[in-house]
PDB file of N, CA and C in Angstrom:
ATOM      1  N   MET A   1       0.847  -1.190   0.000  1.00  0.00           N
ATOM      2  CA  MET A   1       0.011  -0.001  -0.016  1.00  0.00           C
ATOM      3  C   MET A   1       0.897   1.235  -0.016  1.00  0.00           C
ATOM      4  N   PHE A   2       0.933   1.986  -1.105  1.00  0.00           N
ATOM      5  CA  PHE A   2       1.714   3.191  -1.285  1.00  0.00           C
ATOM      6  C   PHE A   2       3.200   2.977  -1.041  1.00  0.00           C
ATOM      7  N   GLY A   3       3.701   1.781  -1.169  1.00  0.00           N
ATOM      8  CA  GLY A   3       5.090   1.503  -0.964  1.00  0.00           C
ATOM      9  C   GLY A   3       5.506   1.488   0.509  1.00  0.00           C
ATOM     10  N   ILE A   4       4.510   1.459   1.398  1.00  0.00           N
ATOM     11  CA  ILE A   4       4.768   1.442   2.851  1.00  0.00           C
ATOM     12  C   ILE A   4       4.565   0.047   3.344  1.00  0.00           C
ATOM     13  N   GLY A   5       5.563  -0.472   4.043  1.00  0.00           N
ATOM     14  CA  GLY A   5       5.446  -1.828   4.600  1.00  0.00           C
ATOM     15  C   GLY A   5       4.651  -1.829   5.915  1.00  0.00           C
ATOM     16  N   MET A   6       4.458  -3.007   6.459  1.00  0.00           N
ATOM     17  CA  MET A   6       3.677  -3.126   7.685  1.00  0.00           C
ATOM     18  C   MET A   6       4.376  -2.464   8.857  1.00  0.00           C
ATOM     19  N   GLN A   7       5.691  -2.559   8.935  1.00  0.00           N
ATOM     20  CA  GLN A   7       6.413  -1.943  10.069  1.00  0.00           C
ATOM     21  C   GLN A   7       6.328  -0.416  10.009  1.00  0.00           C
ATOM     22  N   GLU A   8       6.476   0.178   8.817  1.00  0.00           N
ATOM     23  CA  GLU A   8       6.370   1.635   8.696  1.00  0.00           C
ATOM     24  C   GLU A   8       4.972   2.097   9.057  1.00  0.00           C
ATOM     25  N   LEU A   9       3.964   1.356   8.612  1.00  0.00           N
ATOM     26  CA  LEU A   9       2.571   1.735   8.922  1.00  0.00           C
ATOM     27  C   LEU A   9       2.326   1.645  10.409  1.00  0.00           C
ATOM     28  N   LEU A  10       2.845   0.691  11.082  1.00  0.00           N
ATOM     29  CA  LEU A  10       2.675   0.545  12.529  1.00  0.00           C
ATOM     30  C   LEU A  10       3.341   1.688  13.269  1.00  0.00           C
ATOM     31  N   ILE A  11       4.533   2.075  12.820  1.00  0.00           N
ATOM     32  CA  ILE A  11       5.240   3.203  13.443  1.00  0.00           C
ATOM     33  C   ILE A  11       4.434   4.492  13.250  1.00  0.00           C
ATOM     34  N   ILE A  12       3.891   4.717  12.059  1.00  0.00           N
ATOM     35  CA  ILE A  12       3.101   5.918  11.791  1.00  0.00           C
ATOM     36  C   ILE A  12       1.855   5.935  12.682  1.00  0.00           C
ATOM     37  N   LEU A  13       1.189   4.793  12.830  1.00  0.00           N
ATOM     38  CA  LEU A  13       0.013   4.732  13.704  1.00  0.00           C
ATOM     39  C   LEU A  13       0.361   4.999  15.170  1.00  0.00           C
ATOM     40  N   VAL A  14       1.463   4.501  15.637  1.00  0.00           N
ATOM     41  CA  VAL A  14       1.882   4.745  17.034  1.00  0.00           C
ATOM     42  C   VAL A  14       2.173   6.213  17.238  1.00  0.00           C
ATOM     43  N   ILE A  15       2.873   6.833  16.287  1.00  0.00           N
ATOM     44  CA  ILE A  15       3.186   8.268  16.413  1.00  0.00           C
ATOM     45  C   ILE A  15       1.889   9.088  16.381  1.00  0.00           C
ATOM     46  N   ALA A  16       0.968   8.720  15.492  1.00  0.00           N
ATOM     47  CA  ALA A  16      -0.301   9.429  15.439  1.00  0.00           C
ATOM     48  C   ALA A  16      -1.090   9.271  16.731  1.00  0.00           C
ATOM     49  N   LEU A  17      -1.041   8.076  17.338  1.00  0.00           N
ATOM     50  CA  LEU A  17      -1.725   7.845  18.608  1.00  0.00           C
ATOM     51  C   LEU A  17      -1.136   8.698  19.710  1.00  0.00           C
ATOM     52  N   ILE A  18       0.195   8.866  19.694  1.00  0.00           N
ATOM     53  CA  ILE A  18       0.834   9.688  20.716  1.00  0.00           C
ATOM     54  C   ILE A  18       0.530  11.163  20.511  1.00  0.00           C
ATOM     55  N   VAL A  19       0.633  11.647  19.264  1.00  0.00           N
ATOM     56  CA  VAL A  19       0.451  13.067  18.966  1.00  0.00           C
ATOM     57  C   VAL A  19      -1.006  13.481  19.096  1.00  0.00           C
ATOM     58  N   ILE A  20      -1.905  12.724  18.509  1.00  0.00           N
ATOM     59  CA  ILE A  20      -3.329  13.122  18.479  1.00  0.00           C
ATOM     60  C   ILE A  20      -4.050  12.670  19.730  1.00  0.00           C
ATOM     61  N   GLY A  21      -3.740  11.534  20.237  1.00  0.00           N
ATOM     62  CA  GLY A  21      -4.374  11.046  21.440  1.00  0.00           C
ATOM     63  C   GLY A  21      -5.420   9.973  21.099  1.00  0.00           C
ATOM     64  N   PRO A  22      -5.724   9.131  22.059  1.00  0.00           N
ATOM     65  CA  PRO A  22      -6.646   8.003  21.810  1.00  0.00           C
ATOM     66  C   PRO A  22      -8.103   8.449  21.620  1.00  0.00           C
ATOM     67  N   LYS A  23      -8.491   9.610  22.145  1.00  0.00           N
ATOM     68  CA  LYS A  23      -9.879  10.064  22.004  1.00  0.00           C
ATOM     69  C   LYS A  23     -10.142  10.676  20.622  1.00  0.00           C
ATOM     70  N   LYS A  24      -9.177  11.403  20.093  1.00  0.00           N
ATOM     71  CA  LYS A  24      -9.384  12.094  18.805  1.00  0.00           C
ATOM     72  C   LYS A  24      -9.024  11.238  17.606  1.00  0.00           C
ATOM     73  N   LEU A  25      -8.254  10.166  17.792  1.00  0.00           N
ATOM     74  CA  LEU A  25      -7.829   9.332  16.670  1.00  0.00           C
ATOM     75  C   LEU A  25      -8.974   8.697  15.906  1.00  0.00           C
ATOM     76  N   PRO A  26     -10.017   8.123  16.578  1.00  0.00           N
ATOM     77  CA  PRO A  26     -11.128   7.578  15.802  1.00  0.00           C
ATOM     78  C   PRO A  26     -11.895   8.626  14.994  1.00  0.00           C
ATOM     79  N   GLU A  27     -12.029   9.847  15.538  1.00  0.00           N
ATOM     80  CA  GLU A  27     -12.724  10.921  14.801  1.00  0.00           C
ATOM     81  C   GLU A  27     -11.919  11.308  13.560  1.00  0.00           C
ATOM     82  N   LEU A  28     -10.616  11.414  13.742  1.00  0.00           N
ATOM     83  CA  LEU A  28      -9.737  11.782  12.619  1.00  0.00           C
ATOM     84  C   LEU A  28      -9.774  10.707  11.524  1.00  0.00           C
ATOM     85  N   ALA A  29      -9.749   9.429  11.916  1.00  0.00           N
ATOM     86  CA  ALA A  29      -9.815   8.350  10.934  1.00  0.00           C
ATOM     87  C   ALA A  29     -11.154   8.328  10.200  1.00  0.00           C
ATOM     88  N   LYS A  30     -12.219   8.638  10.945  1.00  0.00           N
ATOM     89  CA  LYS A  30     -13.557   8.665  10.350  1.00  0.00           C
ATOM     90  C   LYS A  30     -13.659   9.783   9.321  1.00  0.00           C
ATOM     91  N   SER A  31     -13.180  10.993   9.686  1.00  0.00           N
ATOM     92  CA  SER A  31     -13.270  12.118   8.725  1.00  0.00           C
ATOM     93  C   SER A  31     -12.335  11.891   7.545  1.00  0.00           C
ATOM     94  N   LEU A  32     -11.183  11.289   7.767  1.00  0.00           N
ATOM     95  CA  LEU A  32     -10.285  10.974   6.673  1.00  0.00           C
ATOM     96  C   LEU A  32     -10.929   9.969   5.717  1.00  0.00           C
ATOM     97  N   GLY A  33     -11.589   8.953   6.241  1.00  0.00           N
ATOM     98  CA  GLY A  33     -12.266   7.990   5.417  1.00  0.00           C
ATOM     99  C   GLY A  33     -13.399   8.594   4.605  1.00  0.00           C
ATOM    100  N   ARG A  34     -14.150   9.484   5.239  1.00  0.00           N
ATOM    101  CA  ARG A  34     -15.232  10.192   4.514  1.00  0.00           C
ATOM    102  C   ARG A  34     -14.669  11.060   3.375  1.00  0.00           C
ATOM    103  N   GLY A  35     -13.577  11.746   3.669  1.00  0.00           N
ATOM    104  CA  GLY A  35     -12.969  12.587   2.641  1.00  0.00           C
ATOM    105  C   GLY A  35     -12.456  11.797   1.470  1.00  0.00           C
ATOM    106  N   LEU A  36     -11.819  10.659   1.750  1.00  0.00           N
ATOM    107  CA  LEU A  36     -11.337   9.806   0.653  1.00  0.00           C
ATOM    108  C   LEU A  36     -12.482   9.209  -0.145  1.00  0.00           C
ATOM    109  N   ALA A  37     -13.564   8.834   0.547  1.00  0.00           N
ATOM    110  CA  ALA A  37     -14.730   8.274  -0.159  1.00  0.00           C
ATOM    111  C   ALA A  37     -15.368   9.334  -1.063  1.00  0.00           C
ATOM    112  N   GLU A  38     -15.468  10.567  -0.573  1.00  0.00           N
ATOM    113  CA  GLU A  38     -16.030  11.655  -1.380  1.00  0.00           C
ATOM    114  C   GLU A  38     -15.140  11.942  -2.602  1.00  0.00           C
ATOM    115  N   PHE A  39     -13.838  11.929  -2.383  1.00  0.00           N
ATOM    116  CA  PHE A  39     -12.885  12.131  -3.493  1.00  0.00           C
ATOM    117  C   PHE A  39     -13.033  11.050  -4.535  1.00  0.00           C
ATOM    118  N   LYS A  40     -13.143   9.799  -4.083  1.00  0.00           N
ATOM    119  CA  LYS A  40     -13.279   8.705  -5.034  1.00  0.00           C
ATOM    120  C   LYS A  40     -14.612   8.803  -5.790  1.00  0.00           C
ATOM    121  N   ARG A  41     -15.662   9.179  -5.116  1.00  0.00           N
ATOM    122  CA  ARG A  41     -16.989   9.326  -5.764  1.00  0.00           C
ATOM    123  C   ARG A  41     -16.930  10.419  -6.825  1.00  0.00           C
ATOM    124  N   THR A  42     -16.296  11.545  -6.494  1.00  0.00           N
ATOM    125  CA  THR A  42     -16.181  12.651  -7.440  1.00  0.00           C
ATOM    126  C   THR A  42     -15.326  12.249  -8.634  1.00  0.00           C
ATOM    127  N   ALA A  43     -14.227  11.549  -8.412  1.00  0.00           N
ATOM    128  CA  ALA A  43     -13.372  11.093  -9.489  1.00  0.00           C
ATOM    129  C   ALA A  43     -14.113  10.115 -10.412  1.00  0.00           C
ATOM    130  N   ASP A  44     -14.885   9.201  -9.826  1.00  0.00           N
ATOM    131  CA  ASP A  44     -15.635   8.254 -10.646  1.00  0.00           C
ATOM    132  C   ASP A  44     -16.715   8.966 -11.476  1.00  0.00           C
ATOM    133  N   ASP A  45     -17.353   9.951 -10.848  1.00  0.00           N
ATOM    134  CA  ASP A  45     -18.388  10.728 -11.577  1.00  0.00           C
ATOM    135  C   ASP A  45     -17.775  11.496 -12.738  1.00  0.00           C
ATOM    136  N   PHE A  46     -16.620  12.103 -12.501  1.00  0.00           N
ATOM    137  CA  PHE A  46     -15.920  12.843 -13.561  1.00  0.00           C
ATOM    138  C   PHE A  46     -15.517  11.885 -14.703  1.00  0.00           C
ATOM    139  N   GLN A  47     -14.984  10.756 -14.336  1.00  0.00           N
ATOM    140  CA  GLN A  47     -14.581   9.780 -15.351  1.00  0.00           C
ATOM    141  C   GLN A  47     -15.753   9.281 -16.173  1.00  0.00           C
ATOM    142  N   SER A  48     -16.876   9.012 -15.514  1.00  0.00           N
ATOM    143  CA  SER A  48     -18.046   8.502 -16.251  1.00  0.00           C
ATOM    144  C   SER A  48     -18.600   9.597 -17.165  1.00  0.00           C
ATOM    145  N   SER A  49     -18.569  10.865 -16.744  1.00  0.00           N
ATOM    146  CA  SER A  49     -19.080  11.932 -17.622  1.00  0.00           C
ATOM    147  C   SER A  49     -18.151  12.123 -18.827  1.00  0.00           C
ATOM    148  N   ILE A  50     -16.852  11.980 -18.646  1.00  0.00           N
ATOM    149  CA  ILE A  50     -15.918  12.083 -19.762  1.00  0.00           C
ATOM    150  C   ILE A  50     -16.151  10.934 -20.744  1.00  0.00           C
ATOM    151  N   MET A  51     -16.313   9.739 -20.239  1.00  0.00           N
ATOM    152  CA  MET A  51     -16.547   8.576 -21.115  1.00  0.00           C
ATOM    153  C   MET A  51     -17.875   8.707 -21.840  1.00  0.00           C
ATOM    154  N   ALA A  52     -18.898   9.248 -21.178  1.00  0.00           N
ATOM    155  CA  ALA A  52     -20.189   9.466 -21.833  1.00  0.00           C
ATOM    156  C   ALA A  52     -20.058  10.469 -22.982  1.00  0.00           C
ATOM    157  N   ASP A  53     -19.263  11.519 -22.740  1.00  0.00           N
ATOM    158  CA  ASP A  53     -19.078  12.519 -23.778  1.00  0.00           C
ATOM    159  C   ASP A  53     -18.289  11.966 -24.982  1.00  0.00           C
ATOM    160  N   LEU A  54     -17.361  11.071 -24.710  1.00  0.00           N
ATOM    161  CA  LEU A  54     -16.588  10.476 -25.802  1.00  0.00           C
ATOM    162  C   LEU A  54     -17.440   9.572 -26.658  1.00  0.00           C
ATOM    163  N   HIS A  55     -18.413   8.907 -26.084  1.00  0.00           N
ATOM    164  CA  HIS A  55     -19.214   7.961 -26.826  1.00  0.00           C
ATOM    165  C   HIS A  55     -20.507   8.546 -27.362  1.00  0.00           C
ATOM    166  N   MET A  56     -20.756   9.837 -27.077  1.00  0.00           N
ATOM    167  CA  MET A  56     -21.957  10.495 -27.537  1.00  0.00           C
ATOM    168  C   MET A  56     -21.798  10.836 -29.042  1.00  0.00           C
ATOM    169  N   PRO A  57     -22.765  10.443 -29.851  1.00  0.00           N
ATOM    170  CA  PRO A  57     -22.637  10.799 -31.291  1.00  0.00           C
ATOM    171  C   PRO A  57     -22.791  12.302 -31.461  1.00  0.00           C
ATOM    172  N   THR A  58     -22.044  12.816 -32.365  1.00  0.00           N
ATOM    173  CA  THR A  58     -22.130  14.244 -32.623  1.00  0.00           C
ATOM    174  C   THR A  58     -23.005  14.496 -33.836  1.00  0.00           C
ATOM    175  N   ARG A  59     -23.545  15.701 -33.900  1.00  0.00           N
ATOM    176  CA  ARG A  59     -24.358  16.058 -35.036  1.00  0.00           C
ATOM    177  C   ARG A  59     -23.423  16.364 -36.225  1.00  0.00           C
ATOM    178  N   PRO A  60     -23.791  15.932 -37.387  1.00  0.00           N
ATOM    179  CA  PRO A  60     -22.940  16.257 -38.539  1.00  0.00           C
ATOM    180  C   PRO A  60     -23.029  17.758 -38.838  1.00  0.00           C
ATOM    181  N   ARG A  61     -21.914  18.288 -39.260  1.00  0.00           N
ATOM    182  CA  ARG A  61     -21.895  19.705 -39.608  1.00  0.00           C
ATOM    183  C   ARG A  61     -22.660  19.928 -40.888  1.00  0.00           C
ATOM    184  N   PRO A  62     -23.424  20.992 -40.923  1.00  0.00           N
ATOM    185  CA  PRO A  62     -24.151  21.263 -42.179  1.00  0.00           C
ATOM    186  C   PRO A  62     -23.151  21.668 -43.261  1.00  0.00           C
ATOM    187  N   THR A  63     -23.309  21.058 -44.396  1.00  0.00           N
ATOM    188  CA  THR A  63     -22.405  21.360 -45.499  1.00  0.00           C
ATOM    189  C   THR A  63     -22.970  22.509 -46.299  1.00  0.00           C
ATOM    190  N   THR A  64     -22.120  23.424 -46.612  1.00  0.00           N
ATOM    191  CA  THR A  64     -22.527  24.536 -47.461  1.00  0.00           C
ATOM    192  C   THR A  64     -21.866  24.352 -48.806  1.00  0.00           C
ATOM    193  N   GLU A  65     -22.672  23.965 -49.760  1.00  0.00           N
ATOM    194  CA  GLU A  65     -22.154  23.740 -51.095  1.00  0.00           C
ATOM    195  C   GLU A  65     -22.142  25.086 -51.822  1.00  0.00           C
ATOM    196  N   PRO A  66     -21.055  25.340 -52.518  1.00  0.00           N
ATOM    197  CA  PRO A  66     -21.012  26.633 -53.233  1.00  0.00           C
ATOM    198  C   PRO A  66     -22.021  26.646 -54.359  1.00  0.00           C
ATOM    199  N   ARG A  67     -22.682  27.771 -54.441  1.00  0.00           N
ATOM    200  CA  ARG A  67     -23.677  27.919 -55.513  1.00  0.00           C
ATOM    201  C   ARG A  67     -22.954  28.136 -56.834  1.00  0.00           C
ATOM    202  N   PRO A  68     -23.443  27.450 -57.871  1.00  0.00           N
ATOM    203  CA  PRO A  68     -22.800  27.680 -59.176  1.00  0.00           C
ATOM    204  C   PRO A  68     -23.081  29.105 -59.651  1.00  0.00           C
ATOM    205  N   GLN A  69     -22.029  29.756 -60.092  1.00  0.00           N
ATOM    206  CA  GLN A  69     -22.169  31.142 -60.558  1.00  0.00           C
ATOM    207  C   GLN A  69     -22.487  31.117 -62.030  1.00  0.00           C
ATOM    208  N   GLN A  70     -23.319  32.030 -62.361  1.00  0.00           N
ATOM    209  CA  GLN A  70     -23.667  32.141 -63.766  1.00  0.00           C
ATOM    210  C   GLN A  70     -22.694  33.119 -64.428  1.00  0.00           C
ATOM    211  N   GLY A  71     -22.295  32.807 -65.594  1.00  0.00           N
ATOM    212  CA  GLY A  71     -21.369  33.682 -66.307  1.00  0.00           C
ATOM    213  C   GLY A  71     -19.956  33.348 -65.939  1.00  0.00           C
ATOM    214  N   MET A  72     -19.139  34.354 -65.878  1.00  0.00           N
ATOM    215  CA  MET A  72     -17.698  34.132 -65.628  1.00  0.00           C
ATOM    216  C   MET A  72     -17.407  34.192 -64.122  1.00  0.00           C
ATOM    217  N   ALA A  73     -16.299  33.630 -63.771  1.00  0.00           N
ATOM    218  CA  ALA A  73     -15.856  33.655 -62.391  1.00  0.00           C
ATOM    219  C   ALA A  73     -15.480  35.082 -62.026  1.00  0.00           C
ATOM    220  N   PRO A  74     -15.548  35.424 -60.724  1.00  0.00           N
ATOM    221  CA  PRO A  74     -15.173  36.800 -60.326  1.00  0.00           C
ATOM    222  C   PRO A  74     -13.750  37.111 -60.712  1.00  0.00           C
ATOM    223  N   GLY A  75     -13.503  38.289 -61.150  1.00  0.00           N
ATOM    224  CA  GLY A  75     -12.156  38.693 -61.553  1.00  0.00           C
ATOM    225  C   GLY A  75     -11.857  38.482 -63.012  1.00  0.00           C
ATOM    226  N   ILE A  76     -12.623  37.664 -63.713  1.00  0.00           N
ATOM    227  CA  ILE A  76     -12.389  37.418 -65.132  1.00  0.00           C
ATOM    228  C   ILE A  76     -12.675  38.685 -65.922  1.00  0.00           C
ATOM    229  N   GLU A  77     -13.695  39.447 -65.488  1.00  0.00           N
ATOM    230  CA  GLU A  77     -14.044  40.637 -66.235  1.00  0.00           C
ATOM    231  C   GLU A  77     -12.881  41.598 -66.299  1.00  0.00           C
ATOM    232  N   ARG A  78     -12.176  41.782 -65.172  1.00  0.00           N
ATOM    233  CA  ARG A  78     -11.049  42.712 -65.138  1.00  0.00           C
ATOM    234  C   ARG A  78      -9.902  42.176 -66.009  1.00  0.00           C
ATOM    235  N   ALA A  79      -9.714  40.873 -66.013  1.00  0.00           N
ATOM    236  CA  ALA A  79      -8.624  40.327 -66.805  1.00  0.00           C
ATOM    237  C   ALA A  79      -8.912  40.494 -68.287  1.00  0.00           C
ATOM    238  N   GLU A  80     -10.176  40.372 -68.656  1.00  0.00           N
ATOM    239  CA  GLU A  80     -10.502  40.517 -70.072  1.00  0.00           C
ATOM    240  C   GLU A  80     -10.432  41.954 -70.528  1.00  0.00           C
ATOM    241  N   GLU A  81     -10.625  42.906 -69.581  1.00  0.00           N
ATOM    242  CA  GLU A  81     -10.539  44.330 -69.975  1.00  0.00           C
ATOM    243  C   GLU A  81      -9.140  44.649 -70.427  1.00  0.00           C
ATOM    244  N   GLY A  82      -8.143  44.087 -69.765  1.00  0.00           N
ATOM    245  CA  GLY A  82      -6.755  44.378 -70.140  1.00  0.00           C
ATOM    246  C   GLY A  82      -6.222  43.423 -71.154  1.00  0.00           C
ATOM    247  N   ALA A  83      -7.026  42.533 -71.708  1.00  0.00           N
ATOM    248  CA  ALA A  83      -6.527  41.533 -72.640  1.00  0.00           C
ATOM    249  C   ALA A  83      -6.128  42.146 -73.972  1.00  0.00           C
ATOM    250  N   GLY A  84      -6.676  43.309 -74.343  1.00  0.00           N
ATOM    251  CA  GLY A  84      -6.357  43.918 -75.622  1.00  0.00           C
ATOM    252  C   GLY A  84      -5.034  44.664 -75.608  1.00  0.00           C
ATOM    253  N   LEU A  85      -4.391  44.796 -74.460  1.00  0.00           N
ATOM    254  CA  LEU A  85      -3.129  45.505 -74.367  1.00  0.00           C
ATOM    255  C   LEU A  85      -1.988  44.636 -74.821  1.00  0.00           C
ATOM    256  N   ASP A  86      -1.057  45.240 -75.505  1.00  0.00           N
ATOM    257  CA  ASP A  86       0.176  44.553 -75.866  1.00  0.00           C
ATOM    258  C   ASP A  86       1.290  45.062 -74.987  1.00  0.00           C
ATOM    259  N   ILE A  87       2.417  44.372 -75.041  1.00  0.00           N
ATOM    260  CA  ILE A  87       3.557  44.780 -74.227  1.00  0.00           C
ATOM    261  C   ILE A  87       4.050  46.165 -74.681  1.00  0.00           C
ATOM    262  N   GLU A  88       3.927  46.439 -75.961  1.00  0.00           N
ATOM    263  CA  GLU A  88       4.380  47.741 -76.480  1.00  0.00           C
ATOM    264  C   GLU A  88       3.566  48.879 -75.945  1.00  0.00           C
ATOM    265  N   ASP A  89       2.296  48.601 -75.591  1.00  0.00           N
ATOM    266  CA  ASP A  89       1.417  49.653 -75.099  1.00  0.00           C
ATOM    267  C   ASP A  89       1.749  50.075 -73.670  1.00  0.00           C
ATOM    268  N   LEU A  90       2.485  49.208 -72.936  1.00  0.00           N
ATOM    269  CA  LEU A  90       2.827  49.522 -71.567  1.00  0.00           C
ATOM    270  C   LEU A  90       4.056  50.408 -71.501  1.00  0.00           C
ATOM    271  N   GLU A  91       4.028  51.337 -70.610  1.00  0.00           N
ATOM    272  CA  GLU A  91       5.202  52.200 -70.404  1.00  0.00           C
ATOM    273  C   GLU A  91       5.884  51.781 -69.123  1.00  0.00           C
ATOM    274  N   LYS A  92       7.108  52.203 -68.978  1.00  0.00           N
ATOM    275  CA  LYS A  92       7.881  51.869 -67.798  1.00  0.00           C
ATOM    276  C   LYS A  92       7.164  52.453 -66.572  1.00  0.00           C
ATOM    277  N   GLY A  93       6.985  51.613 -65.554  1.00  0.00           N
ATOM    278  CA  GLY A  93       6.328  52.043 -64.338  1.00  0.00           C
ATOM    279  C   GLY A  93       4.842  51.689 -64.288  1.00  0.00           C
ATOM    280  N   ASP A  94       4.252  51.245 -65.422  1.00  0.00           N
ATOM    281  CA  ASP A  94       2.854  50.844 -65.385  1.00  0.00           C
ATOM    282  C   ASP A  94       2.707  49.546 -64.575  1.00  0.00           C
ATOM    283  N   ARG A  95       1.640  49.462 -63.855  1.00  0.00           N
ATOM    284  CA  ARG A  95       1.380  48.262 -63.090  1.00  0.00           C
ATOM    285  C   ARG A  95       0.542  47.304 -63.905  1.00  0.00           C
ATOM    286  N   VAL A  96       0.905  46.063 -63.838  1.00  0.00           N
ATOM    287  CA  VAL A  96       0.112  45.019 -64.515  1.00  0.00           C
ATOM    288  C   VAL A  96      -0.665  44.330 -63.430  1.00  0.00           C
ATOM    289  N   ARG A  97      -1.956  44.270 -63.588  1.00  0.00           N
ATOM    290  CA  ARG A  97      -2.796  43.618 -62.584  1.00  0.00           C
ATOM    291  C   ARG A  97      -3.248  42.253 -63.034  1.00  0.00           C
TER     292      ARG A  97
END
């Protein structure tokens, strides 16, 4: 138990009996037992809620399909506007988009 042998446990109990006293030792053991039981119950509840969440089916995400556009794709109009230009028509410093 926690890497403590029987002799070490007996020494700890004797020291606790001397320090705390024979009247308070049963109360302390009782409250310690209740605290550990409450901790175990809380840990089990947390673990079960996590496991329930892992096994719960999720709703599928709604898919948004792109609507087909009529005519040309966006930006094609601007590209076609400049399609009639030749390299000779451009001057130094002109921006090509």
